[in-house]
Amino acid sequence: MGNHLENKIGASRDGVTQIGKDLRADAHSVIDKVAEQVPPLTNRLAERAHGGVDAVADRADGAADAVAARSRQLADSYKRFAESGRGYVRSSPVASVLLAAAAGYGLSKLFGPRK
């Protein structure tokens, strides 16, 4: 009977050992499958991140171009206004001085101290 019990214990131990080996093999298989999926997932995330950065940079470039174009328009408008103002002052110096004096008086009344 002692041998029979020892055989059963040995068989049980062998069964548990086999279960451990199977679990180990299964765990390694799952780890390998996950490891295979990590690079593609990482690549997809990196591609999306690069795409987002490119989209933001493109919008910033567009905004910079729009600001530059508007600045050129304003500079051109200022030049035309300044040239026409200079032309008016040269052609009518007395009227220009009177207009400037009237504007100065009006601004002093508007922004001066109130009593």
PDB file of N, CA and C in Angstrom:
ATOM      1  N   MET A   1       0.800  -1.162   0.000  1.00  0.00           N
ATOM      2  CA  MET A   1       0.000   0.000   0.000  1.00  0.00           C
ATOM      3  C   MET A   1       0.862   1.252   0.000  1.00  0.00           C
ATOM      4  N   GLY A   2       2.022   1.209   0.605  1.00  0.00           N
ATOM      5  CA  GLY A   2       2.914   2.334   0.653  1.00  0.00           C
ATOM      6  C   GLY A   2       3.374   2.739  -0.724  1.00  0.00           C
ATOM      7  N   ASN A   3       3.672   1.737  -1.585  1.00  0.00           N
ATOM      8  CA  ASN A   3       4.093   2.037  -2.946  1.00  0.00           C
ATOM      9  C   ASN A   3       2.955   2.647  -3.745  1.00  0.00           C
ATOM     10  N   HIS A   4       1.770   2.155  -3.513  1.00  0.00           N
ATOM     11  CA  HIS A   4       0.607   2.680  -4.234  1.00  0.00           C
ATOM     12  C   HIS A   4       0.384   4.146  -3.890  1.00  0.00           C
ATOM     13  N   LEU A   5       0.523   4.478  -2.601  1.00  0.00           N
ATOM     14  CA  LEU A   5       0.356   5.870  -2.153  1.00  0.00           C
ATOM     15  C   LEU A   5       1.470   6.749  -2.715  1.00  0.00           C
ATOM     16  N   GLU A   6       2.658   6.192  -2.702  1.00  0.00           N
ATOM     17  CA  GLU A   6       3.782   6.957  -3.264  1.00  0.00           C
ATOM     18  C   GLU A   6       3.594   7.168  -4.760  1.00  0.00           C
ATOM     19  N   ASN A   7       3.061   6.180  -5.449  1.00  0.00           N
ATOM     20  CA  ASN A   7       2.801   6.325  -6.887  1.00  0.00           C
ATOM     21  C   ASN A   7       1.760   7.414  -7.136  1.00  0.00           C
ATOM     22  N   LYS A   8       0.701   7.439  -6.293  1.00  0.00           N
ATOM     23  CA  LYS A   8      -0.332   8.461  -6.449  1.00  0.00           C
ATOM     24  C   LYS A   8       0.238   9.858  -6.164  1.00  0.00           C
ATOM     25  N   ILE A   9       1.063   9.941  -5.126  1.00  0.00           N
ATOM     26  CA  ILE A   9       1.684  11.234  -4.797  1.00  0.00           C
ATOM     27  C   ILE A   9       2.595  11.660  -5.936  1.00  0.00           C
ATOM     28  N   GLY A  10       3.354  10.738  -6.482  1.00  0.00           N
ATOM     29  CA  GLY A  10       4.241  11.049  -7.604  1.00  0.00           C
ATOM     30  C   GLY A  10       3.443  11.477  -8.827  1.00  0.00           C
ATOM     31  N   ALA A  11       2.342  10.781  -9.081  1.00  0.00           N
ATOM     32  CA  ALA A  11       1.508  11.128 -10.228  1.00  0.00           C
ATOM     33  C   ALA A  11       0.885  12.510 -10.028  1.00  0.00           C
ATOM     34  N   SER A  12       0.454  12.781  -8.793  1.00  0.00           N
ATOM     35  CA  SER A  12      -0.129  14.099  -8.501  1.00  0.00           C
ATOM     36  C   SER A  12       0.921  15.192  -8.684  1.00  0.00           C
ATOM     37  N   ARG A  13       2.117  14.877  -8.156  1.00  0.00           N
ATOM     38  CA  ARG A  13       3.191  15.861  -8.310  1.00  0.00           C
ATOM     39  C   ARG A  13       3.519  16.077  -9.774  1.00  0.00           C
ATOM     40  N   ASP A  14       3.557  15.039 -10.548  1.00  0.00           N
ATOM     41  CA  ASP A  14       3.822  15.159 -11.982  1.00  0.00           C
ATOM     42  C   ASP A  14       2.705  15.957 -12.676  1.00  0.00           C
ATOM     43  N   GLY A  15       1.463  15.727 -12.250  1.00  0.00           N
ATOM     44  CA  GLY A  15       0.339  16.456 -12.813  1.00  0.00           C
ATOM     45  C   GLY A  15       0.432  17.947 -12.501  1.00  0.00           C
ATOM     46  N   VAL A  16       0.774  18.263 -11.240  1.00  0.00           N
ATOM     47  CA  VAL A  16       0.920  19.670 -10.850  1.00  0.00           C
ATOM     48  C   VAL A  16       2.095  20.290 -11.587  1.00  0.00           C
ATOM     49  N   THR A  17       3.170  19.537 -11.711  1.00  0.00           N
ATOM     50  CA  THR A  17       4.331  20.032 -12.444  1.00  0.00           C
ATOM     51  C   THR A  17       3.958  20.312 -13.898  1.00  0.00           C
ATOM     52  N   GLN A  18       3.194  19.430 -14.508  1.00  0.00           N
ATOM     53  CA  GLN A  18       2.770  19.629 -15.894  1.00  0.00           C
ATOM     54  C   GLN A  18       1.866  20.856 -16.007  1.00  0.00           C
ATOM     55  N   ILE A  19       0.965  21.046 -15.045  1.00  0.00           N
ATOM     56  CA  ILE A  19       0.102  22.229 -15.053  1.00  0.00           C
ATOM     57  C   ILE A  19       0.960  23.486 -14.968  1.00  0.00           C
ATOM     58  N   GLY A  20       1.961  23.463 -14.099  1.00  0.00           N
ATOM     59  CA  GLY A  20       2.879  24.602 -13.990  1.00  0.00           C
ATOM     60  C   GLY A  20       3.602  24.867 -15.296  1.00  0.00           C
ATOM     61  N   LYS A  21       4.043  23.814 -15.952  1.00  0.00           N
ATOM     62  CA  LYS A  21       4.729  23.968 -17.237  1.00  0.00           C
ATOM     63  C   LYS A  21       3.775  24.536 -18.292  1.00  0.00           C
ATOM     64  N   ASP A  22       2.534  24.011 -18.288  1.00  0.00           N
ATOM     65  CA  ASP A  22       1.547  24.510 -19.257  1.00  0.00           C
ATOM     66  C   ASP A  22       1.230  25.988 -18.999  1.00  0.00           C
ATOM     67  N   LEU A  23       1.052  26.334 -17.730  1.00  0.00           N
ATOM     68  CA  LEU A  23       0.777  27.737 -17.391  1.00  0.00           C
ATOM     69  C   LEU A  23       1.936  28.630 -17.803  1.00  0.00           C
ATOM     70  N   ARG A  24       3.140  28.132 -17.555  1.00  0.00           N
ATOM     71  CA  ARG A  24       4.323  28.905 -17.933  1.00  0.00           C
ATOM     72  C   ARG A  24       4.371  29.110 -19.442  1.00  0.00           C
ATOM     73  N   ALA A  25       4.119  28.048 -20.204  1.00  0.00           N
ATOM     74  CA  ALA A  25       4.136  28.151 -21.669  1.00  0.00           C
ATOM     75  C   ALA A  25       3.035  29.092 -22.145  1.00  0.00           C
ATOM     76  N   ASP A  26       1.836  28.973 -21.533  1.00  0.00           N
ATOM     77  CA  ASP A  26       0.737  29.868 -21.918  1.00  0.00           C
ATOM     78  C   ASP A  26       1.076  31.322 -21.603  1.00  0.00           C
ATOM     79  N   ALA A  27       1.645  31.547 -20.438  1.00  0.00           N
ATOM     80  CA  ALA A  27       2.008  32.914 -20.053  1.00  0.00           C
ATOM     81  C   ALA A  27       3.043  33.487 -21.015  1.00  0.00           C
ATOM     82  N   HIS A  28       4.036  32.691 -21.357  1.00  0.00           N
ATOM     83  CA  HIS A  28       5.054  33.165 -22.311  1.00  0.00           C
ATOM     84  C   HIS A  28       4.422  33.437 -23.678  1.00  0.00           C
ATOM     85  N   SER A  29       3.481  32.620 -24.083  1.00  0.00           N
ATOM     86  CA  SER A  29       2.809  32.828 -25.358  1.00  0.00           C
ATOM     87  C   SER A  29       2.032  34.143 -25.362  1.00  0.00           C
ATOM     88  N   VAL A  30       1.322  34.406 -24.265  1.00  0.00           N
ATOM     89  CA  VAL A  30       0.568  35.659 -24.162  1.00  0.00           C
ATOM     90  C   VAL A  30       1.517  36.849 -24.166  1.00  0.00           C
ATOM     91  N   ILE A  31       2.605  36.744 -23.426  1.00  0.00           N
ATOM     92  CA  ILE A  31       3.589  37.837 -23.395  1.00  0.00           C
ATOM     93  C   ILE A  31       4.148  38.094 -24.785  1.00  0.00           C
ATOM     94  N   ASP A  32       4.447  37.033 -25.515  1.00  0.00           N
ATOM     95  CA  ASP A  32       4.976  37.197 -26.871  1.00  0.00           C
ATOM     96  C   ASP A  32       3.946  37.854 -27.786  1.00  0.00           C
ATOM     97  N   LYS A  33       2.664  37.461 -27.656  1.00  0.00           N
ATOM     98  CA  LYS A  33       1.624  38.075 -28.483  1.00  0.00           C
ATOM     99  C   LYS A  33       1.476  39.556 -28.163  1.00  0.00           C
ATOM    100  N   VAL A  34       1.506  39.908 -26.885  1.00  0.00           N
ATOM    101  CA  VAL A  34       1.414  41.316 -26.489  1.00  0.00           C
ATOM    102  C   VAL A  34       2.619  42.084 -27.007  1.00  0.00           C
ATOM    103  N   ALA A  35       3.794  41.489 -26.885  1.00  0.00           N
ATOM    104  CA  ALA A  35       5.014  42.145 -27.361  1.00  0.00           C
ATOM    105  C   ALA A  35       4.956  42.383 -28.871  1.00  0.00           C
ATOM    106  N   GLU A  36       4.341  41.457 -29.611  1.00  0.00           N
ATOM    107  CA  GLU A  36       4.201  41.642 -31.051  1.00  0.00           C
ATOM    108  C   GLU A  36       3.261  42.800 -31.379  1.00  0.00           C
ATOM    109  N   GLN A  37       2.275  43.042 -30.526  1.00  0.00           N
ATOM    110  CA  GLN A  37       1.298  44.099 -30.766  1.00  0.00           C
ATOM    111  C   GLN A  37       1.796  45.479 -30.330  1.00  0.00           C
ATOM    112  N   VAL A  38       2.740  45.532 -29.426  1.00  0.00           N
ATOM    113  CA  VAL A  38       3.205  46.819 -28.910  1.00  0.00           C
ATOM    114  C   VAL A  38       3.850  47.684 -29.999  1.00  0.00           C
ATOM    115  N   PRO A  39       4.769  47.172 -30.806  1.00  0.00           N
ATOM    116  CA  PRO A  39       5.348  48.043 -31.844  1.00  0.00           C
ATOM    117  C   PRO A  39       4.311  48.616 -32.811  1.00  0.00           C
ATOM    118  N   PRO A  40       3.354  47.820 -33.331  1.00  0.00           N
ATOM    119  CA  PRO A  40       2.362  48.440 -34.218  1.00  0.00           C
ATOM    120  C   PRO A  40       1.524  49.496 -33.499  1.00  0.00           C
ATOM    121  N   LEU A  41       1.166  49.230 -32.256  1.00  0.00           N
ATOM    122  CA  LEU A  41       0.393  50.210 -31.502  1.00  0.00           C
ATOM    123  C   LEU A  41       1.215  51.472 -31.279  1.00  0.00           C
ATOM    124  N   THR A  42       2.457  51.299 -30.914  1.00  0.00           N
ATOM    125  CA  THR A  42       3.353  52.444 -30.708  1.00  0.00           C
ATOM    126  C   THR A  42       3.521  53.223 -32.009  1.00  0.00           C
ATOM    127  N   ASN A  43       3.668  52.501 -33.107  1.00  0.00           N
ATOM    128  CA  ASN A  43       3.814  53.170 -34.407  1.00  0.00           C
ATOM    129  C   ASN A  43       2.564  53.964 -34.761  1.00  0.00           C
ATOM    130  N   ARG A  44       1.385  53.384 -34.511  1.00  0.00           N
ATOM    131  CA  ARG A  44       0.139  54.106 -34.806  1.00  0.00           C
ATOM    132  C   ARG A  44       0.028  55.351 -33.945  1.00  0.00           C
ATOM    133  N   LEU A  45       0.362  55.235 -32.664  1.00  0.00           N
ATOM    134  CA  LEU A  45       0.312  56.400 -31.786  1.00  0.00           C
ATOM    135  C   LEU A  45       1.301  57.471 -32.235  1.00  0.00           C
ATOM    136  N   ALA A  46       2.489  57.046 -32.623  1.00  0.00           N
ATOM    137  CA  ALA A  46       3.496  58.006 -33.091  1.00  0.00           C
ATOM    138  C   ALA A  46       3.034  58.688 -34.379  1.00  0.00           C
ATOM    139  N   GLU A  47       2.419  57.929 -35.288  1.00  0.00           N
ATOM    140  CA  GLU A  47       1.921  58.522 -36.532  1.00  0.00           C
ATOM    141  C   GLU A  47       0.836  59.548 -36.242  1.00  0.00           C
ATOM    142  N   ARG A  48      -0.065  59.222 -35.325  1.00  0.00           N
ATOM    143  CA  ARG A  48      -1.123  60.170 -34.969  1.00  0.00           C
ATOM    144  C   ARG A  48      -0.539  61.418 -34.315  1.00  0.00           C
ATOM    145  N   ALA A  49       0.445  61.225 -33.446  1.00  0.00           N
ATOM    146  CA  ALA A  49       1.073  62.377 -32.800  1.00  0.00           C
ATOM    147  C   ALA A  49       1.761  63.265 -33.833  1.00  0.00           C
ATOM    148  N   HIS A  50       2.476  62.652 -34.764  1.00  0.00           N
ATOM    149  CA  HIS A  50       3.139  63.427 -35.817  1.00  0.00           C
ATOM    150  C   HIS A  50       2.106  64.164 -36.673  1.00  0.00           C
ATOM    151  N   GLY A  51       1.006  63.485 -36.974  1.00  0.00           N
ATOM    152  CA  GLY A  51      -0.052  64.121 -37.752  1.00  0.00           C
ATOM    153  C   GLY A  51      -0.639  65.317 -37.024  1.00  0.00           C
ATOM    154  N   GLY A  52      -0.838  65.187 -35.707  1.00  0.00           N
ATOM    155  CA  GLY A  52      -1.359  66.305 -34.921  1.00  0.00           C
ATOM    156  C   GLY A  52      -0.400  67.482 -34.894  1.00  0.00           C
ATOM    157  N   VAL A  53       0.871  67.187 -34.724  1.00  0.00           N
ATOM    158  CA  VAL A  53       1.882  68.252 -34.715  1.00  0.00           C
ATOM    159  C   VAL A  53       1.924  68.947 -36.073  1.00  0.00           C
ATOM    160  N   ASP A  54       1.864  68.166 -37.144  1.00  0.00           N
ATOM    161  CA  ASP A  54       1.878  68.758 -38.490  1.00  0.00           C
ATOM    162  C   ASP A  54       0.651  69.640 -38.714  1.00  0.00           C
ATOM    163  N   ALA A  55      -0.509  69.192 -38.242  1.00  0.00           N
ATOM    164  CA  ALA A  55      -1.731  69.989 -38.410  1.00  0.00           C
ATOM    165  C   ALA A  55      -1.625  71.315 -37.667  1.00  0.00           C
ATOM    166  N   VAL A  56      -1.119  71.277 -36.443  1.00  0.00           N
ATOM    167  CA  VAL A  56      -0.955  72.515 -35.665  1.00  0.00           C
ATOM    168  C   VAL A  56       0.063  73.430 -36.342  1.00  0.00           C
ATOM    169  N   ALA A  57       1.155  72.859 -36.804  1.00  0.00           N
ATOM    170  CA  ALA A  57       2.191  73.662 -37.466  1.00  0.00           C
ATOM    171  C   ALA A  57       1.653  74.278 -38.756  1.00  0.00           C
ATOM    172  N   ASP A  58       0.847  73.519 -39.503  1.00  0.00           N
ATOM    173  CA  ASP A  58       0.264  74.067 -40.734  1.00  0.00           C
ATOM    174  C   ASP A  58      -0.671  75.230 -40.414  1.00  0.00           C
ATOM    175  N   ARG A  59      -1.461  75.079 -39.353  1.00  0.00           N
ATOM    176  CA  ARG A  59      -2.359  76.175 -38.966  1.00  0.00           C
ATOM    177  C   ARG A  59      -1.559  77.394 -38.527  1.00  0.00           C
ATOM    178  N   ALA A  60      -0.481  77.171 -37.796  1.00  0.00           N
ATOM    179  CA  ALA A  60       0.357  78.289 -37.359  1.00  0.00           C
ATOM    180  C   ALA A  60       0.985  78.988 -38.562  1.00  0.00           C
ATOM    181  N   ASP A  61       1.437  78.196 -39.539  1.00  0.00           N
ATOM    182  CA  ASP A  61       2.002  78.791 -40.754  1.00  0.00           C
ATOM    183  C   ASP A  61       0.949  79.618 -41.482  1.00  0.00           C
ATOM    184  N   GLY A  62      -0.268  79.087 -41.568  1.00  0.00           N
ATOM    185  CA  GLY A  62      -1.355  79.817 -42.221  1.00  0.00           C
ATOM    186  C   GLY A  62      -1.664  81.116 -41.505  1.00  0.00           C
ATOM    187  N   ALA A  63      -1.679  81.059 -40.169  1.00  0.00           N
ATOM    188  CA  ALA A  63      -1.943  82.277 -39.393  1.00  0.00           C
ATOM    189  C   ALA A  63      -0.819  83.292 -39.591  1.00  0.00           C
ATOM    190  N   ALA A  64       0.415  82.813 -39.605  1.00  0.00           N
ATOM    191  CA  ALA A  64       1.555  83.713 -39.807  1.00  0.00           C
ATOM    192  C   ALA A  64       1.488  84.364 -41.186  1.00  0.00           C
ATOM    193  N   ASP A  65       1.099  83.581 -42.195  1.00  0.00           N
ATOM    194  CA  ASP A  65       0.960  84.141 -43.545  1.00  0.00           C
ATOM    195  C   ASP A  65      -0.143  85.194 -43.586  1.00  0.00           C
ATOM    196  N   ALA A  66      -1.262  84.918 -42.902  1.00  0.00           N
ATOM    197  CA  ALA A  66      -2.371  85.882 -42.884  1.00  0.00           C
ATOM    198  C   ALA A  66      -1.965  87.169 -42.175  1.00  0.00           C
ATOM    199  N   VAL A  67      -1.235  87.049 -41.068  1.00  0.00           N
ATOM    200  CA  VAL A  67      -0.779  88.238 -40.336  1.00  0.00           C
ATOM    201  C   VAL A  67       0.198  89.037 -41.191  1.00  0.00           C
ATOM    202  N   ALA A  68       1.090  88.351 -41.871  1.00  0.00           N
ATOM    203  CA  ALA A  68       2.057  89.036 -42.730  1.00  0.00           C
ATOM    204  C   ALA A  68       1.346  89.760 -43.875  1.00  0.00           C
ATOM    205  N   ALA A  69       0.349  89.114 -44.473  1.00  0.00           N
ATOM    206  CA  ALA A  69      -0.394  89.750 -45.567  1.00  0.00           C
ATOM    207  C   ALA A  69      -1.149  90.973 -45.065  1.00  0.00           C
ATOM    208  N   ARG A  70      -1.778  90.851 -43.888  1.00  0.00           N
ATOM    209  CA  ARG A  70      -2.515  91.987 -43.322  1.00  0.00           C
ATOM    210  C   ARG A  70      -1.551  93.117 -42.958  1.00  0.00           C
ATOM    211  N   SER A  71      -0.376  92.784 -42.454  1.00  0.00           N
ATOM    212  CA  SER A  71       0.622  93.811 -42.127  1.00  0.00           C
ATOM    213  C   SER A  71       1.050  94.565 -43.375  1.00  0.00           C
ATOM    214  N   ARG A  72       1.246  93.843 -44.480  1.00  0.00           N
ATOM    215  CA  ARG A  72       1.613  94.506 -45.741  1.00  0.00           C
ATOM    216  C   ARG A  72       0.492  95.434 -46.215  1.00  0.00           C
ATOM    217  N   GLN A  73      -0.761  94.972 -46.069  1.00  0.00           N
ATOM    218  CA  GLN A  73      -1.896  95.820 -46.463  1.00  0.00           C
ATOM    219  C   GLN A  73      -1.938  97.093 -45.630  1.00  0.00           C
ATOM    220  N   LEU A  74      -1.740  96.952 -44.315  1.00  0.00           N
ATOM    221  CA  LEU A  74      -1.756  98.126 -43.443  1.00  0.00           C
ATOM    222  C   LEU A  74      -0.608  99.077 -43.766  1.00  0.00           C
ATOM    223  N   ALA A  75       0.567  98.530 -44.030  1.00  0.00           N
ATOM    224  CA  ALA A  75       1.719  99.373 -44.373  1.00  0.00           C
ATOM    225  C   ALA A  75       1.457 100.130 -45.679  1.00  0.00           C
ATOM    226  N   ASP A  76       0.875  99.442 -46.663  1.00  0.00           N
ATOM    227  CA  ASP A  76       0.549 100.110 -47.929  1.00  0.00           C
ATOM    228  C   ASP A  76      -0.500 101.206 -47.721  1.00  0.00           C
ATOM    229  N   SER A  77      -1.507 100.910 -46.914  1.00  0.00           N
ATOM    230  CA  SER A  77      -2.550 101.912 -46.630  1.00  0.00           C
ATOM    231  C   SER A  77      -1.955 103.120 -45.925  1.00  0.00           C
ATOM    232  N   TYR A  78      -1.061 102.876 -44.963  1.00  0.00           N
ATOM    233  CA  TYR A  78      -0.424 103.980 -44.243  1.00  0.00           C
ATOM    234  C   TYR A  78       0.406 104.827 -45.210  1.00  0.00           C
ATOM    235  N   LYS A  79       1.142 104.179 -46.090  1.00  0.00           N
ATOM    236  CA  LYS A  79       1.965 104.929 -47.056  1.00  0.00           C
ATOM    237  C   LYS A  79       1.089 105.806 -47.943  1.00  0.00           C
ATOM    238  N   ARG A  80      -0.031 105.243 -48.434  1.00  0.00           N
ATOM    239  CA  ARG A  80      -0.927 106.030 -49.293  1.00  0.00           C
ATOM    240  C   ARG A  80      -1.516 107.206 -48.511  1.00  0.00           C
ATOM    241  N   PHE A  81      -1.927 106.952 -47.263  1.00  0.00           N
ATOM    242  CA  PHE A  81      -2.490 108.015 -46.434  1.00  0.00           C
ATOM    243  C   PHE A  81      -1.455 109.100 -46.161  1.00  0.00           C
ATOM    244  N   ALA A  82      -0.230 108.686 -45.811  1.00  0.00           N
ATOM    245  CA  ALA A  82       0.830 109.659 -45.523  1.00  0.00           C
ATOM    246  C   ALA A  82       1.176 110.474 -46.768  1.00  0.00           C
ATOM    247  N   GLU A  83       1.235 109.837 -47.920  1.00  0.00           N
ATOM    248  CA  GLU A  83       1.543 110.560 -49.159  1.00  0.00           C
ATOM    249  C   GLU A  83       0.441 111.554 -49.508  1.00  0.00           C
ATOM    250  N   SER A  84      -0.814 111.136 -49.314  1.00  0.00           N
ATOM    251  CA  SER A  84      -1.904 112.068 -49.630  1.00  0.00           C
ATOM    252  C   SER A  84      -1.926 113.217 -48.628  1.00  0.00           C
ATOM    253  N   GLY A  85      -1.614 112.939 -47.367  1.00  0.00           N
ATOM    254  CA  GLY A  85      -1.541 114.002 -46.353  1.00  0.00           C
ATOM    255  C   GLY A  85      -0.425 114.975 -46.645  1.00  0.00           C
ATOM    256  N   ARG A  86       0.718 114.464 -47.042  1.00  0.00           N
ATOM    257  CA  ARG A  86       1.843 115.340 -47.396  1.00  0.00           C
ATOM    258  C   ARG A  86       1.495 116.202 -48.605  1.00  0.00           C
ATOM    259  N   GLY A  87       0.836 115.573 -49.554  1.00  0.00           N
ATOM    260  CA  GLY A  87       0.429 116.322 -50.749  1.00  0.00           C
ATOM    261  C   GLY A  87      -0.536 117.439 -50.393  1.00  0.00           C
ATOM    262  N   TYR A  88      -1.481 117.180 -49.483  1.00  0.00           N
ATOM    263  CA  TYR A  88      -2.439 118.207 -49.078  1.00  0.00           C
ATOM    264  C   TYR A  88      -1.739 119.338 -48.336  1.00  0.00           C
ATOM    265  N   VAL A  89      -0.813 118.979 -47.429  1.00  0.00           N
ATOM    266  CA  VAL A  89      -0.078 120.013 -46.679  1.00  0.00           C
ATOM    267  C   VAL A  89       0.744 120.865 -47.636  1.00  0.00           C
ATOM    268  N   ARG A  90       1.381 120.276 -48.627  1.00  0.00           N
ATOM    269  CA  ARG A  90       2.191 121.043 -49.578  1.00  0.00           C
ATOM    270  C   ARG A  90       1.332 121.953 -50.461  1.00  0.00           C
ATOM    271  N   SER A  91       0.165 121.456 -50.817  1.00  0.00           N
ATOM    272  CA  SER A  91      -0.676 122.270 -51.707  1.00  0.00           C
ATOM    273  C   SER A  91      -1.480 123.320 -50.938  1.00  0.00           C
ATOM    274  N   SER A  92      -1.759 123.107 -49.656  1.00  0.00           N
ATOM    275  CA  SER A  92      -2.540 124.064 -48.861  1.00  0.00           C
ATOM    276  C   SER A  92      -1.943 124.196 -47.463  1.00  0.00           C
ATOM    277  N   PRO A  93      -0.793 124.871 -47.347  1.00  0.00           N
ATOM    278  CA  PRO A  93      -0.138 124.936 -46.038  1.00  0.00           C
ATOM    279  C   PRO A  93      -0.950 125.724 -45.008  1.00  0.00           C
ATOM    280  N   VAL A  94      -1.590 126.781 -45.383  1.00  0.00           N
ATOM    281  CA  VAL A  94      -2.335 127.593 -44.418  1.00  0.00           C
ATOM    282  C   VAL A  94      -3.529 126.801 -43.895  1.00  0.00           C
ATOM    283  N   ALA A  95      -4.264 126.166 -44.770  1.00  0.00           N
ATOM    284  CA  ALA A  95      -5.421 125.372 -44.349  1.00  0.00           C
ATOM    285  C   ALA A  95      -4.983 124.211 -43.466  1.00  0.00           C
ATOM    286  N   SER A  96      -3.841 123.631 -43.754  1.00  0.00           N
ATOM    287  CA  SER A  96      -3.342 122.515 -42.954  1.00  0.00           C
ATOM    288  C   SER A  96      -3.007 122.954 -41.535  1.00  0.00           C
ATOM    289  N   VAL A  97      -2.373 124.142 -41.406  1.00  0.00           N
ATOM    290  CA  VAL A  97      -2.030 124.646 -40.072  1.00  0.00           C
ATOM    291  C   VAL A  97      -3.303 124.956 -39.294  1.00  0.00           C
ATOM    292  N   LEU A  98      -4.283 125.591 -39.945  1.00  0.00           N
ATOM    293  CA  LEU A  98      -5.546 125.891 -39.273  1.00  0.00           C
ATOM    294  C   LEU A  98      -6.282 124.613 -38.858  1.00  0.00           C
ATOM    295  N   LEU A  99      -6.279 123.607 -39.717  1.00  0.00           N
ATOM    296  CA  LEU A  99      -6.920 122.325 -39.403  1.00  0.00           C
ATOM    297  C   LEU A  99      -6.228 121.658 -38.218  1.00  0.00           C
ATOM    298  N   ALA A 100      -4.884 121.686 -38.195  1.00  0.00           N
ATOM    299  CA  ALA A 100      -4.134 121.095 -37.090  1.00  0.00           C
ATOM    300  C   ALA A 100      -4.406 121.846 -35.787  1.00  0.00           C
ATOM    301  N   ALA A 101      -4.491 123.169 -35.835  1.00  0.00           N
ATOM    302  CA  ALA A 101      -4.769 123.958 -34.642  1.00  0.00           C
ATOM    303  C   ALA A 101      -6.171 123.656 -34.116  1.00  0.00           C
ATOM    304  N   ALA A 102      -7.142 123.547 -35.009  1.00  0.00           N
ATOM    305  CA  ALA A 102      -8.510 123.238 -34.598  1.00  0.00           C
ATOM    306  C   ALA A 102      -8.585 121.844 -33.981  1.00  0.00           C
ATOM    307  N   ALA A 103      -7.884 120.894 -34.559  1.00  0.00           N
ATOM    308  CA  ALA A 103      -7.876 119.544 -34.015  1.00  0.00           C
ATOM    309  C   ALA A 103      -7.216 119.528 -32.640  1.00  0.00           C
ATOM    310  N   GLY A 104      -6.129 120.252 -32.472  1.00  0.00           N
ATOM    311  CA  GLY A 104      -5.456 120.323 -31.174  1.00  0.00           C
ATOM    312  C   GLY A 104      -6.342 120.956 -30.115  1.00  0.00           C
ATOM    313  N   TYR A 105      -7.029 122.032 -30.482  1.00  0.00           N
ATOM    314  CA  TYR A 105      -7.944 122.687 -29.543  1.00  0.00           C
ATOM    315  C   TYR A 105      -9.073 121.740 -29.138  1.00  0.00           C
ATOM    316  N   GLY A 106      -9.660 121.036 -30.110  1.00  0.00           N
ATOM    317  CA  GLY A 106     -10.749 120.099 -29.819  1.00  0.00           C
ATOM    318  C   GLY A 106     -10.283 118.969 -28.913  1.00  0.00           C
ATOM    319  N   LEU A 107      -9.100 118.448 -29.173  1.00  0.00           N
ATOM    320  CA  LEU A 107      -8.563 117.350 -28.318  1.00  0.00           C
ATOM    321  C   LEU A 107      -8.248 117.853 -26.927  1.00  0.00           C
ATOM    322  N   SER A 108      -7.745 119.078 -26.789  1.00  0.00           N
ATOM    323  CA  SER A 108      -7.453 119.615 -25.443  1.00  0.00           C
ATOM    324  C   SER A 108      -8.739 119.788 -24.654  1.00  0.00           C
ATOM    325  N   LYS A 109      -9.824 120.181 -25.297  1.00  0.00           N
ATOM    326  CA  LYS A 109     -11.106 120.321 -24.605  1.00  0.00           C
ATOM    327  C   LYS A 109     -11.681 118.950 -24.230  1.00  0.00           C
ATOM    328  N   LEU A 110     -11.477 118.009 -25.096  1.00  0.00           N
ATOM    329  CA  LEU A 110     -12.015 116.668 -24.867  1.00  0.00           C
ATOM    330  C   LEU A 110     -11.263 115.930 -23.747  1.00  0.00           C
ATOM    331  N   PHE A 111      -9.948 116.039 -23.747  1.00  0.00           N
ATOM    332  CA  PHE A 111      -9.133 115.302 -22.783  1.00  0.00           C
ATOM    333  C   PHE A 111      -8.555 116.155 -21.671  1.00  0.00           C
ATOM    334  N   GLY A 112      -8.750 117.462 -21.697  1.00  0.00           N
ATOM    335  CA  GLY A 112      -8.189 118.351 -20.675  1.00  0.00           C
ATOM    336  C   GLY A 112      -8.915 118.205 -19.348  1.00  0.00           C
ATOM    337  N   PRO A 113      -8.382 118.860 -18.312  1.00  0.00           N
ATOM    338  CA  PRO A 113      -9.031 118.777 -16.995  1.00  0.00           C
ATOM    339  C   PRO A 113     -10.398 119.461 -17.027  1.00  0.00           C
ATOM    340  N   ARG A 114     -11.326 118.879 -16.320  1.00  0.00           N
ATOM    341  CA  ARG A 114     -12.687 119.421 -16.285  1.00  0.00           C
ATOM    342  C   ARG A 114     -12.879 120.141 -14.953  1.00  0.00           C
ATOM    343  N   LYS A 115     -13.456 121.298 -15.026  1.00  0.00           N
ATOM    344  CA  LYS A 115     -13.667 122.095 -13.801  1.00  0.00           C
ATOM    345  C   LYS A 115     -15.120 122.220 -13.472  1.00  0.00           C
TER     346      LYS A 115
END
